[in-house]
Amino acid sequence: MKAYLISDNHDTLVGMKLAGIDGVVVHGYDEASGAMEKALERTDVAILAVTEKIAELLPDAMQRLREQGELPIVVEIPDRHGTKRGPGFLTKYVRDAIGVKME
């Protein structure tokens, strides 16, 4: 099983390729949606990494994939500019997902 990246910029793709992860660079909703469909059709993809900007373009698809609990596991990653999330996003995510308050 492999990891695959859907990115909005070339630099992130190059960095991931150095780690052995293949992917594609897309721009706009139509390209992002098409790349997501193609990635989900692949049976060898176990981890689907998506940059935050692409995830913002496809919120419904991202939510659906998270809720399914099946492969591929979808991971939203920051791009070359860093994360757009606030400093407490991980603790908020855990609290919302499983109801545990982390201190």
Protein backbone atom coordinates (compact mmCIF):
# COMPACT_ATOMS: atom_id res chain seq x y z
CA MET A 1 0.00 0.00 0.00
CA LYS A 2 1.17 3.49 -0.85
CA ALA A 3 0.69 7.09 0.13
CA TYR A 4 -0.42 9.63 -2.48
CA LEU A 5 -0.49 13.45 -2.43
CA ILE A 6 -2.92 15.95 -3.92
CA SER A 7 -1.21 19.34 -3.67
CA ASP A 8 -1.81 22.90 -4.72
CA ASN A 9 1.88 23.65 -5.26
CA HIS A 10 4.92 22.09 -6.85
CA ASP A 11 7.25 22.56 -3.84
CA THR A 12 5.16 20.35 -1.59
CA LEU A 13 5.01 17.66 -4.26
CA VAL A 14 8.79 17.74 -4.72
CA GLY A 15 9.33 17.41 -0.97
CA MET A 16 6.99 14.44 -0.78
CA LYS A 17 8.61 12.81 -3.81
CA LEU A 18 11.93 12.98 -1.97
CA ALA A 19 10.23 10.89 0.74
CA GLY A 20 9.00 8.41 -1.89
CA ILE A 21 5.41 9.68 -2.09
CA ASP A 22 3.96 10.27 -5.54
CA GLY A 23 1.23 12.77 -6.26
CA VAL A 24 -0.22 15.47 -8.43
CA VAL A 25 -0.43 19.28 -8.44
CA VAL A 26 -3.89 20.71 -9.13
CA HIS A 27 -5.46 24.15 -9.23
CA GLY A 28 -9.13 24.92 -8.76
CA TYR A 29 -12.15 22.87 -7.81
CA ASP A 30 -12.52 20.87 -11.04
CA GLU A 31 -8.92 19.66 -11.10
CA ALA A 32 -8.95 18.92 -7.37
CA SER A 33 -12.21 16.99 -7.60
CA GLY A 34 -10.95 14.98 -10.56
CA ALA A 35 -7.67 14.17 -8.83
CA MET A 36 -9.55 13.06 -5.72
CA GLU A 37 -11.79 10.75 -7.76
CA LYS A 38 -8.79 9.20 -9.54
CA ALA A 39 -6.91 8.71 -6.27
CA LEU A 40 -9.93 7.02 -4.66
CA GLU A 41 -10.24 4.64 -7.62
CA ARG A 42 -6.70 3.37 -7.01
CA THR A 43 -6.57 0.21 -4.93
CA ASP A 44 -2.93 0.69 -3.92
CA VAL A 45 -3.43 3.98 -2.03
CA ALA A 46 -3.71 3.58 1.75
CA ILE A 47 -2.91 7.16 2.79
CA LEU A 48 -4.20 10.15 0.85
CA ALA A 49 -2.39 13.36 1.83
CA VAL A 50 -4.17 16.57 0.81
CA THR A 51 -2.83 20.08 1.31
CA GLU A 52 -4.97 22.44 3.38
CA LYS A 53 -5.77 24.62 0.36
CA ILE A 54 -7.10 21.64 -1.61
CA ALA A 55 -9.04 20.43 1.43
CA GLU A 56 -10.73 23.85 1.58
CA LEU A 57 -11.88 23.38 -2.02
CA LEU A 58 -13.39 19.94 -1.24
CA PRO A 59 -14.90 20.17 2.27
CA ASP A 60 -17.77 17.76 1.61
CA ALA A 61 -15.52 15.08 0.12
CA MET A 62 -13.02 15.46 2.97
CA GLN A 63 -15.73 15.11 5.60
CA ARG A 64 -17.27 12.09 3.88
CA LEU A 65 -13.91 10.33 3.67
CA ARG A 66 -13.17 11.00 7.34
CA GLU A 67 -16.54 9.62 8.39
CA GLN A 68 -16.29 6.45 6.29
CA GLY A 69 -13.44 5.03 8.30
CA GLU A 70 -12.18 3.03 5.32
CA LEU A 71 -9.03 3.19 3.26
CA PRO A 72 -7.56 5.44 2.20
CA ILE A 73 -6.89 7.34 5.40
CA VAL A 74 -7.13 11.03 4.55
CA VAL A 75 -4.54 13.35 6.06
CA GLU A 76 -4.72 17.11 5.67
CA ILE A 77 -1.22 18.60 5.59
CA PRO A 78 0.14 22.16 5.56
CA ASP A 79 1.84 23.36 2.41
CA ARG A 80 5.17 25.13 2.03
CA HIS A 81 3.81 28.26 3.74
CA GLY A 82 2.91 26.40 6.95
CA THR A 83 -0.42 25.67 8.54
CA LYS A 84 -3.44 27.96 8.45
CA ARG A 85 -4.77 26.45 11.68
CA GLY A 86 -4.55 28.09 15.06
CA PRO A 87 -2.21 26.95 17.83
CA GLY A 88 -4.80 24.76 19.61
CA PHE A 89 -6.25 22.99 16.59
CA LEU A 90 -5.08 19.49 17.56
CA THR A 91 -6.52 19.56 21.08
CA LYS A 92 -9.78 20.98 19.72
CA TYR A 93 -9.88 18.24 17.08
CA VAL A 94 -9.41 15.50 19.67
CA ARG A 95 -12.01 17.08 21.99
CA ASP A 96 -14.56 17.34 19.17
CA ALA A 97 -13.81 13.88 17.77
CA ILE A 98 -13.83 11.80 20.94
CA GLY A 99 -14.98 14.13 23.69
CA VAL A 100 -11.75 14.08 25.71
CA LYS A 101 -10.33 17.32 27.02
CA MET A 102 -6.55 17.35 26.84
CA GLU A 103 -4.54 19.76 28.98
